[in-house]
Every structure is written in structure tokens, then in C-alpha cells.
Amino acid sequence: MNVISQTKPPLPYKVEAEQFALGSMICSAEAIERGRELLSQSDFYREAHQEIFGALTRLYDRGDAVDGFTLKTELERVEKLEDP
């Protein structure tokens, strides 16, 4: 019996598209709502982008302000922000 690999090839991705989606979500609550309808954390290729998406949605779910400062604070809280 010939076994075919069950591993699927990686989906195409565009880093700039991920950055655009996340940047839009930082700027607009409406973009967060729309992004959640279309995307999940695992849809992002880069792990850092997955973490940012997760942090943005957590902030939004808690009713916190979503901006660069609160995003940084949330990433520090869950220990996902690397020191420069």
C-alpha cells in the first residue's frame, strides 16, 4: 500500500497583507469586528502577528481602548513582547 503524505503544502501568504490587517485593527474598532468575522489567530503566518491579533481581540472583548500603548501593555502582560 502506497501512503501519500498527509502534510499539506503551506498556504501562500503576504506579510504586508498581515501587517495591513493588524494596522487597520489598531486604528478602528469596526476593523476589529470585521477582522474577527473573516480571520482567526491561526490565519496569520508569522507567530508575532498571531500574538498581536490575539491581543487586539482580547482588548476589544474586555472593552478596553485599543491603541499602540494598550496593545504593548497587553503583549507585556502575557509575556509575548520581546525586549529590543
PDB file of N, CA and C in Angstrom:
ATOM      1  N   MET A   1       0.842  -1.180   0.000  1.00  0.00           N
ATOM      2  CA  MET A   1       0.000   0.000   0.000  1.00  0.00           C
ATOM      3  C   MET A   1       0.886   1.241   0.000  1.00  0.00           C
ATOM      4  N   ASN A   2       0.619   2.148  -0.901  1.00  0.00           N
ATOM      5  CA  ASN A   2       1.395   3.372  -1.019  1.00  0.00           C
ATOM      6  C   ASN A   2       0.739   4.452  -0.158  1.00  0.00           C
ATOM      7  N   VAL A   3       1.498   4.999   0.768  1.00  0.00           N
ATOM      8  CA  VAL A   3       0.972   6.031   1.657  1.00  0.00           C
ATOM      9  C   VAL A   3       1.381   7.396   1.121  1.00  0.00           C
ATOM     10  N   ILE A   4       0.408   8.228   0.883  1.00  0.00           N
ATOM     11  CA  ILE A   4       0.663   9.589   0.423  1.00  0.00           C
ATOM     12  C   ILE A   4       0.760  10.490   1.643  1.00  0.00           C
ATOM     13  N   SER A   5       1.712  11.355   1.636  1.00  0.00           N
ATOM     14  CA  SER A   5       1.913  12.273   2.756  1.00  0.00           C
ATOM     15  C   SER A   5       0.644  13.072   3.037  1.00  0.00           C
ATOM     16  N   GLN A   6       0.285  13.138   4.286  1.00  0.00           N
ATOM     17  CA  GLN A   6      -0.895  13.889   4.711  1.00  0.00           C
ATOM     18  C   GLN A   6      -0.572  15.361   4.956  1.00  0.00           C
ATOM     19  N   THR A   7       0.690  15.720   4.791  1.00  0.00           N
ATOM     20  CA  THR A   7       1.094  17.094   5.023  1.00  0.00           C
ATOM     21  C   THR A   7       0.702  17.955   3.828  1.00  0.00           C
ATOM     22  N   LYS A   8      -0.020  19.009   4.121  1.00  0.00           N
ATOM     23  CA  LYS A   8      -0.424  19.929   3.064  1.00  0.00           C
ATOM     24  C   LYS A   8       0.664  20.970   2.864  1.00  0.00           C
ATOM     25  N   PRO A   9       0.843  21.430   1.640  1.00  0.00           N
ATOM     26  CA  PRO A   9       1.826  22.500   1.442  1.00  0.00           C
ATOM     27  C   PRO A   9       1.361  23.766   2.138  1.00  0.00           C
ATOM     28  N   PRO A  10       2.285  24.611   2.557  1.00  0.00           N
ATOM     29  CA  PRO A  10       1.873  25.844   3.233  1.00  0.00           C
ATOM     30  C   PRO A  10       1.080  26.735   2.283  1.00  0.00           C
ATOM     31  N   LEU A  11       0.108  27.406   2.855  1.00  0.00           N
ATOM     32  CA  LEU A  11      -0.691  28.334   2.069  1.00  0.00           C
ATOM     33  C   LEU A  11       0.147  29.554   1.704  1.00  0.00           C
ATOM     34  N   PRO A  12      -0.143  30.161   0.588  1.00  0.00           N
ATOM     35  CA  PRO A  12       0.580  31.387   0.257  1.00  0.00           C
ATOM     36  C   PRO A  12       0.238  32.481   1.275  1.00  0.00           C
ATOM     37  N   TYR A  13       1.166  33.332   1.515  1.00  0.00           N
ATOM     38  CA  TYR A  13       0.924  34.419   2.455  1.00  0.00           C
ATOM     39  C   TYR A  13       1.648  35.662   1.974  1.00  0.00           C
ATOM     40  N   LYS A  14       1.228  36.779   2.501  1.00  0.00           N
ATOM     41  CA  LYS A  14       1.865  38.057   2.173  1.00  0.00           C
ATOM     42  C   LYS A  14       1.993  38.824   3.487  1.00  0.00           C
ATOM     43  N   VAL A  15       3.220  39.010   3.917  1.00  0.00           N
ATOM     44  CA  VAL A  15       3.473  39.684   5.189  1.00  0.00           C
ATOM     45  C   VAL A  15       2.832  41.065   5.208  1.00  0.00           C
ATOM     46  N   GLU A  16       2.907  41.780   4.105  1.00  0.00           N
ATOM     47  CA  GLU A  16       2.338  43.130   4.055  1.00  0.00           C
ATOM     48  C   GLU A  16       0.827  43.104   4.273  1.00  0.00           C
ATOM     49  N   ALA A  17       0.158  42.080   3.783  1.00  0.00           N
ATOM     50  CA  ALA A  17      -1.292  41.960   3.985  1.00  0.00           C
ATOM     51  C   ALA A  17      -1.608  41.726   5.459  1.00  0.00           C
ATOM     52  N   GLU A  18      -0.801  40.908   6.120  1.00  0.00           N
ATOM     53  CA  GLU A  18      -0.990  40.691   7.553  1.00  0.00           C
ATOM     54  C   GLU A  18      -0.782  41.998   8.311  1.00  0.00           C
ATOM     55  N   GLN A  19       0.270  42.732   7.955  1.00  0.00           N
ATOM     56  CA  GLN A  19       0.555  43.998   8.621  1.00  0.00           C
ATOM     57  C   GLN A  19      -0.578  45.003   8.398  1.00  0.00           C
ATOM     58  N   PHE A  20      -1.100  45.038   7.195  1.00  0.00           N
ATOM     59  CA  PHE A  20      -2.199  45.945   6.881  1.00  0.00           C
ATOM     60  C   PHE A  20      -3.434  45.611   7.712  1.00  0.00           C
ATOM     61  N   ALA A  21      -3.770  44.337   7.792  1.00  0.00           N
ATOM     62  CA  ALA A  21      -4.945  43.916   8.559  1.00  0.00           C
ATOM     63  C   ALA A  21      -4.785  44.304  10.028  1.00  0.00           C
ATOM     64  N   LEU A  22      -3.630  44.028  10.592  1.00  0.00           N
ATOM     65  CA  LEU A  22      -3.402  44.343  12.007  1.00  0.00           C
ATOM     66  C   LEU A  22      -3.371  45.852  12.244  1.00  0.00           C
ATOM     67  N   GLY A  23      -2.730  46.583  11.347  1.00  0.00           N
ATOM     68  CA  GLY A  23      -2.689  48.041  11.476  1.00  0.00           C
ATOM     69  C   GLY A  23      -4.081  48.643  11.414  1.00  0.00           C
ATOM     70  N   SER A  24      -4.918  48.115  10.539  1.00  0.00           N
ATOM     71  CA  SER A  24      -6.299  48.595  10.443  1.00  0.00           C
ATOM     72  C   SER A  24      -7.051  48.332  11.736  1.00  0.00           C
ATOM     73  N   MET A  25      -6.801  47.170  12.328  1.00  0.00           N
ATOM     74  CA  MET A  25      -7.487  46.814  13.567  1.00  0.00           C
ATOM     75  C   MET A  25      -7.052  47.710  14.727  1.00  0.00           C
ATOM     76  N   ILE A  26      -5.800  48.151  14.710  1.00  0.00           N
ATOM     77  CA  ILE A  26      -5.332  49.056  15.760  1.00  0.00           C
ATOM     78  C   ILE A  26      -6.038  50.404  15.639  1.00  0.00           C
ATOM     79  N   CYS A  27      -6.356  50.801  14.428  1.00  0.00           N
ATOM     80  CA  CYS A  27      -6.938  52.121  14.170  1.00  0.00           C
ATOM     81  C   CYS A  27      -8.452  52.174  14.289  1.00  0.00           C
ATOM     82  N   SER A  28      -9.127  51.041  14.263  1.00  0.00           N
ATOM     83  CA  SER A  28     -10.581  51.084  14.153  1.00  0.00           C
ATOM     84  C   SER A  28     -11.245  49.880  14.819  1.00  0.00           C
ATOM     85  N   ALA A  29     -12.193  50.171  15.708  1.00  0.00           N
ATOM     86  CA  ALA A  29     -12.977  49.103  16.331  1.00  0.00           C
ATOM     87  C   ALA A  29     -13.787  48.355  15.280  1.00  0.00           C
ATOM     88  N   GLU A  30     -14.262  49.073  14.279  1.00  0.00           N
ATOM     89  CA  GLU A  30     -15.012  48.435  13.194  1.00  0.00           C
ATOM     90  C   GLU A  30     -14.132  47.420  12.458  1.00  0.00           C
ATOM     91  N   ALA A  31     -12.861  47.762  12.274  1.00  0.00           N
ATOM     92  CA  ALA A  31     -11.935  46.840  11.616  1.00  0.00           C
ATOM     93  C   ALA A  31     -11.694  45.603  12.487  1.00  0.00           C
ATOM     94  N   ILE A  32     -11.701  45.762  13.801  1.00  0.00           N
ATOM     95  CA  ILE A  32     -11.559  44.605  14.688  1.00  0.00           C
ATOM     96  C   ILE A  32     -12.765  43.687  14.510  1.00  0.00           C
ATOM     97  N   GLU A  33     -13.950  44.261  14.512  1.00  0.00           N
ATOM     98  CA  GLU A  33     -15.165  43.460  14.329  1.00  0.00           C
ATOM     99  C   GLU A  33     -15.127  42.714  13.000  1.00  0.00           C
ATOM    100  N   ARG A  34     -14.783  43.408  11.952  1.00  0.00           N
ATOM    101  CA  ARG A  34     -14.741  42.799  10.617  1.00  0.00           C
ATOM    102  C   ARG A  34     -13.628  41.763  10.529  1.00  0.00           C
ATOM    103  N   GLY A  35     -12.473  42.082  11.105  1.00  0.00           N
ATOM    104  CA  GLY A  35     -11.357  41.140  11.105  1.00  0.00           C
ATOM    105  C   GLY A  35     -11.703  39.846  11.802  1.00  0.00           C
ATOM    106  N   ARG A  36     -12.438  39.927  12.887  1.00  0.00           N
ATOM    107  CA  ARG A  36     -12.837  38.727  13.616  1.00  0.00           C
ATOM    108  C   ARG A  36     -13.815  37.879  12.825  1.00  0.00           C
ATOM    109  N   GLU A  37     -14.609  38.529  11.996  1.00  0.00           N
ATOM    110  CA  GLU A  37     -15.545  37.779  11.153  1.00  0.00           C
ATOM    111  C   GLU A  37     -14.803  36.978  10.085  1.00  0.00           C
ATOM    112  N   LEU A  38     -13.706  37.536   9.600  1.00  0.00           N
ATOM    113  CA  LEU A  38     -13.007  36.943   8.468  1.00  0.00           C
ATOM    114  C   LEU A  38     -11.777  36.121   8.840  1.00  0.00           C
ATOM    115  N   LEU A  39     -11.172  36.406   9.984  1.00  0.00           N
ATOM    116  CA  LEU A  39      -9.884  35.821  10.338  1.00  0.00           C
ATOM    117  C   LEU A  39      -9.923  35.150  11.697  1.00  0.00           C
ATOM    118  N   SER A  40      -8.964  34.260  11.892  1.00  0.00           N
ATOM    119  CA  SER A  40      -8.704  33.718  13.219  1.00  0.00           C
ATOM    120  C   SER A  40      -7.209  33.867  13.475  1.00  0.00           C
ATOM    121  N   GLN A  41      -6.821  33.673  14.698  1.00  0.00           N
ATOM    122  CA  GLN A  41      -5.413  33.852  15.059  1.00  0.00           C
ATOM    123  C   GLN A  41      -4.511  32.945  14.219  1.00  0.00           C
ATOM    124  N   SER A  42      -4.967  31.744  13.934  1.00  0.00           N
ATOM    125  CA  SER A  42      -4.138  30.794  13.180  1.00  0.00           C
ATOM    126  C   SER A  42      -4.031  31.129  11.694  1.00  0.00           C
ATOM    127  N   ASP A  43      -4.795  32.102  11.216  1.00  0.00           N
ATOM    128  CA  ASP A  43      -4.709  32.504   9.813  1.00  0.00           C
ATOM    129  C   ASP A  43      -3.447  33.308   9.511  1.00  0.00           C
ATOM    130  N   PHE A  44      -2.793  33.801  10.538  1.00  0.00           N
ATOM    131  CA  PHE A  44      -1.584  34.593  10.344  1.00  0.00           C
ATOM    132  C   PHE A  44      -0.373  33.682  10.279  1.00  0.00           C
ATOM    133  N   TYR A  45       0.487  33.944   9.315  1.00  0.00           N
ATOM    134  CA  TYR A  45       1.671  33.118   9.097  1.00  0.00           C
ATOM    135  C   TYR A  45       2.721  33.351  10.183  1.00  0.00           C
ATOM    136  N   ARG A  46       2.997  34.597  10.457  1.00  0.00           N
ATOM    137  CA  ARG A  46       4.012  34.921  11.466  1.00  0.00           C
ATOM    138  C   ARG A  46       3.433  34.798  12.872  1.00  0.00           C
ATOM    139  N   GLU A  47       4.201  34.151  13.744  1.00  0.00           N
ATOM    140  CA  GLU A  47       3.757  33.967  15.128  1.00  0.00           C
ATOM    141  C   GLU A  47       3.528  35.314  15.816  1.00  0.00           C
ATOM    142  N   ALA A  48       4.385  36.286  15.532  1.00  0.00           N
ATOM    143  CA  ALA A  48       4.217  37.611  16.137  1.00  0.00           C
ATOM    144  C   ALA A  48       2.876  38.212  15.732  1.00  0.00           C
ATOM    145  N   HIS A  49       2.478  38.010  14.481  1.00  0.00           N
ATOM    146  CA  HIS A  49       1.195  38.533  14.015  1.00  0.00           C
ATOM    147  C   HIS A  49       0.039  37.794  14.675  1.00  0.00           C
ATOM    148  N   GLN A  50       0.215  36.500  14.928  1.00  0.00           N
ATOM    149  CA  GLN A  50      -0.803  35.739  15.653  1.00  0.00           C
ATOM    150  C   GLN A  50      -0.999  36.313  17.052  1.00  0.00           C
ATOM    151  N   GLU A  51       0.112  36.614  17.713  1.00  0.00           N
ATOM    152  CA  GLU A  51       0.051  37.162  19.070  1.00  0.00           C
ATOM    153  C   GLU A  51      -0.600  38.547  19.082  1.00  0.00           C
ATOM    154  N   ILE A  52      -0.272  39.363  18.105  1.00  0.00           N
ATOM    155  CA  ILE A  52      -0.863  40.701  18.020  1.00  0.00           C
ATOM    156  C   ILE A  52      -2.364  40.596  17.793  1.00  0.00           C
ATOM    157  N   PHE A  53      -2.793  39.731  16.887  1.00  0.00           N
ATOM    158  CA  PHE A  53      -4.217  39.532  16.633  1.00  0.00           C
ATOM    159  C   PHE A  53      -4.926  39.093  17.916  1.00  0.00           C
ATOM    160  N   GLY A  54      -4.337  38.142  18.628  1.00  0.00           N
ATOM    161  CA  GLY A  54      -4.920  37.677  19.884  1.00  0.00           C
ATOM    162  C   GLY A  54      -5.033  38.791  20.911  1.00  0.00           C
ATOM    163  N   ALA A  55      -3.990  39.602  21.026  1.00  0.00           N
ATOM    164  CA  ALA A  55      -4.007  40.707  21.986  1.00  0.00           C
ATOM    165  C   ALA A  55      -5.058  41.747  21.605  1.00  0.00           C
ATOM    166  N   LEU A  56      -5.171  42.062  20.320  1.00  0.00           N
ATOM    167  CA  LEU A  56      -6.172  43.030  19.875  1.00  0.00           C
ATOM    168  C   LEU A  56      -7.582  42.556  20.194  1.00  0.00           C
ATOM    169  N   THR A  57      -7.848  41.294  19.935  1.00  0.00           N
ATOM    170  CA  THR A  57      -9.196  40.789  20.189  1.00  0.00           C
ATOM    171  C   THR A  57      -9.487  40.682  21.683  1.00  0.00           C
ATOM    172  N   ARG A  58      -8.485  40.368  22.495  1.00  0.00           N
ATOM    173  CA  ARG A  58      -8.698  40.336  23.951  1.00  0.00           C
ATOM    174  C   ARG A  58      -9.029  41.729  24.480  1.00  0.00           C
ATOM    175  N   LEU A  59      -8.260  42.715  24.034  1.00  0.00           N
ATOM    176  CA  LEU A  59      -8.535  44.098  24.458  1.00  0.00           C
ATOM    177  C   LEU A  59      -9.955  44.503  24.075  1.00  0.00           C
ATOM    178  N   TYR A  60     -10.333  44.212  22.858  1.00  0.00           N
ATOM    179  CA  TYR A  60     -11.663  44.563  22.357  1.00  0.00           C
ATOM    180  C   TYR A  60     -12.754  43.849  23.159  1.00  0.00           C
ATOM    181  N   ASP A  61     -12.552  42.570  23.424  1.00  0.00           N
ATOM    182  CA  ASP A  61     -13.533  41.790  24.184  1.00  0.00           C
ATOM    183  C   ASP A  61     -13.728  42.323  25.600  1.00  0.00           C
ATOM    184  N   ARG A  62     -12.649  42.834  26.190  1.00  0.00           N
ATOM    185  CA  ARG A  62     -12.739  43.382  27.549  1.00  0.00           C
ATOM    186  C   ARG A  62     -13.319  44.791  27.561  1.00  0.00           C
ATOM    187  N   GLY A  63     -13.463  45.371  26.384  1.00  0.00           N
ATOM    188  CA  GLY A  63     -13.969  46.738  26.305  1.00  0.00           C
ATOM    189  C   GLY A  63     -12.902  47.777  26.574  1.00  0.00           C
ATOM    190  N   ASP A  64     -11.650  47.372  26.519  1.00  0.00           N
ATOM    191  CA  ASP A  64     -10.537  48.296  26.726  1.00  0.00           C
ATOM    192  C   ASP A  64     -10.293  49.108  25.455  1.00  0.00           C
ATOM    193  N   ALA A  65      -9.652  50.232  25.626  1.00  0.00           N
ATOM    194  CA  ALA A  65      -9.229  51.022  24.472  1.00  0.00           C
ATOM    195  C   ALA A  65      -8.212  50.201  23.679  1.00  0.00           C
ATOM    196  N   VAL A  66      -8.240  50.339  22.379  1.00  0.00           N
ATOM    197  CA  VAL A  66      -7.284  49.634  21.530  1.00  0.00           C
ATOM    198  C   VAL A  66      -6.439  50.681  20.820  1.00  0.00           C
ATOM    199  N   ASP A  67      -5.180  50.731  21.193  1.00  0.00           N
ATOM    200  CA  ASP A  67      -4.218  51.632  20.565  1.00  0.00           C
ATOM    201  C   ASP A  67      -2.831  51.038  20.772  1.00  0.00           C
ATOM    202  N   GLY A  68      -1.837  51.702  20.271  1.00  0.00           N
ATOM    203  CA  GLY A  68      -0.479  51.185  20.370  1.00  0.00           C
ATOM    204  C   GLY A  68      -0.020  50.955  21.799  1.00  0.00           C
ATOM    205  N   PHE A  69      -0.388  51.855  22.697  1.00  0.00           N
ATOM    206  CA  PHE A  69       0.036  51.732  24.095  1.00  0.00           C
ATOM    207  C   PHE A  69      -0.631  50.545  24.777  1.00  0.00           C
ATOM    208  N   THR A  70      -1.960  50.419  24.629  1.00  0.00           N
ATOM    209  CA  THR A  70      -2.658  49.312  25.291  1.00  0.00           C
ATOM    210  C   THR A  70      -2.265  47.974  24.671  1.00  0.00           C
ATOM    211  N   LEU A  71      -1.972  47.979  23.375  1.00  0.00           N
ATOM    212  CA  LEU A  71      -1.513  46.754  22.725  1.00  0.00           C
ATOM    213  C   LEU A  71      -0.167  46.324  23.301  1.00  0.00           C
ATOM    214  N   LYS A  72       0.755  47.266  23.438  1.00  0.00           N
ATOM    215  CA  LYS A  72       2.071  46.972  24.016  1.00  0.00           C
ATOM    216  C   LYS A  72       1.916  46.443  25.442  1.00  0.00           C
ATOM    217  N   THR A  73       1.071  47.083  26.222  1.00  0.00           N
ATOM    218  CA  THR A  73       0.845  46.674  27.603  1.00  0.00           C
ATOM    219  C   THR A  73       0.269  45.260  27.671  1.00  0.00           C
ATOM    220  N   GLU A  74      -0.675  44.955  26.797  1.00  0.00           N
ATOM    221  CA  GLU A  74      -1.271  43.611  26.773  1.00  0.00           C
ATOM    222  C   GLU A  74      -0.240  42.559  26.375  1.00  0.00           C
ATOM    223  N   LEU A  75       0.584  42.850  25.397  1.00  0.00           N
ATOM    224  CA  LEU A  75       1.618  41.899  24.996  1.00  0.00           C
ATOM    225  C   LEU A  75       2.644  41.692  26.111  1.00  0.00           C
ATOM    226  N   GLU A  76       2.958  42.733  26.855  1.00  0.00           N
ATOM    227  CA  GLU A  76       3.850  42.588  28.015  1.00  0.00           C
ATOM    228  C   GLU A  76       3.181  41.746  29.093  1.00  0.00           C
ATOM    229  N   ARG A  77       1.896  41.967  29.308  1.00  0.00           N
ATOM    230  CA  ARG A  77       1.157  41.233  30.347  1.00  0.00           C
ATOM    231  C   ARG A  77       1.201  39.726  30.107  1.00  0.00           C
ATOM    232  N   VAL A  78       1.080  39.319  28.862  1.00  0.00           N
ATOM    233  CA  VAL A  78       1.092  37.884  28.543  1.00  0.00           C
ATOM    234  C   VAL A  78       2.484  37.390  28.149  1.00  0.00           C
ATOM    235  N   GLU A  79       3.491  38.258  28.391  1.00  0.00           N
ATOM    236  CA  GLU A  79       4.894  37.933  28.157  1.00  0.00           C
ATOM    237  C   GLU A  79       5.175  37.503  26.714  1.00  0.00           C
ATOM    238  N   LYS A  80       4.614  38.258  25.769  1.00  0.00           N
ATOM    239  CA  LYS A  80       4.820  37.989  24.354  1.00  0.00           C
ATOM    240  C   LYS A  80       5.536  39.131  23.644  1.00  0.00           C
ATOM    241  N   LEU A  81       6.049  40.071  24.399  1.00  0.00           N
ATOM    242  CA  LEU A  81       6.770  41.192  23.812  1.00  0.00           C
ATOM    243  C   LEU A  81       8.244  41.021  24.105  1.00  0.00           C
ATOM    244  N   GLU A  82       9.037  40.958  23.060  1.00  0.00           N
ATOM    245  CA  GLU A  82      10.478  40.788  23.221  1.00  0.00           C
ATOM    246  C   GLU A  82      11.133  42.125  23.529  1.00  0.00           C
ATOM    247  N   ASP A  83      12.166  42.083  24.371  1.00  0.00           N
ATOM    248  CA  ASP A  83      12.950  43.275  24.651  1.00  0.00           C
ATOM    249  C   ASP A  83      13.766  43.627  23.423  1.00  0.00           C
ATOM    250  N   PRO A  84      13.889  44.943  23.134  1.00  0.00           N
ATOM    251  CA  PRO A  84      14.704  45.343  21.963  1.00  0.00           C
ATOM    252  C   PRO A  84      16.175  45.040  22.172  1.00  0.00           C
TER     253      PRO A  84
END
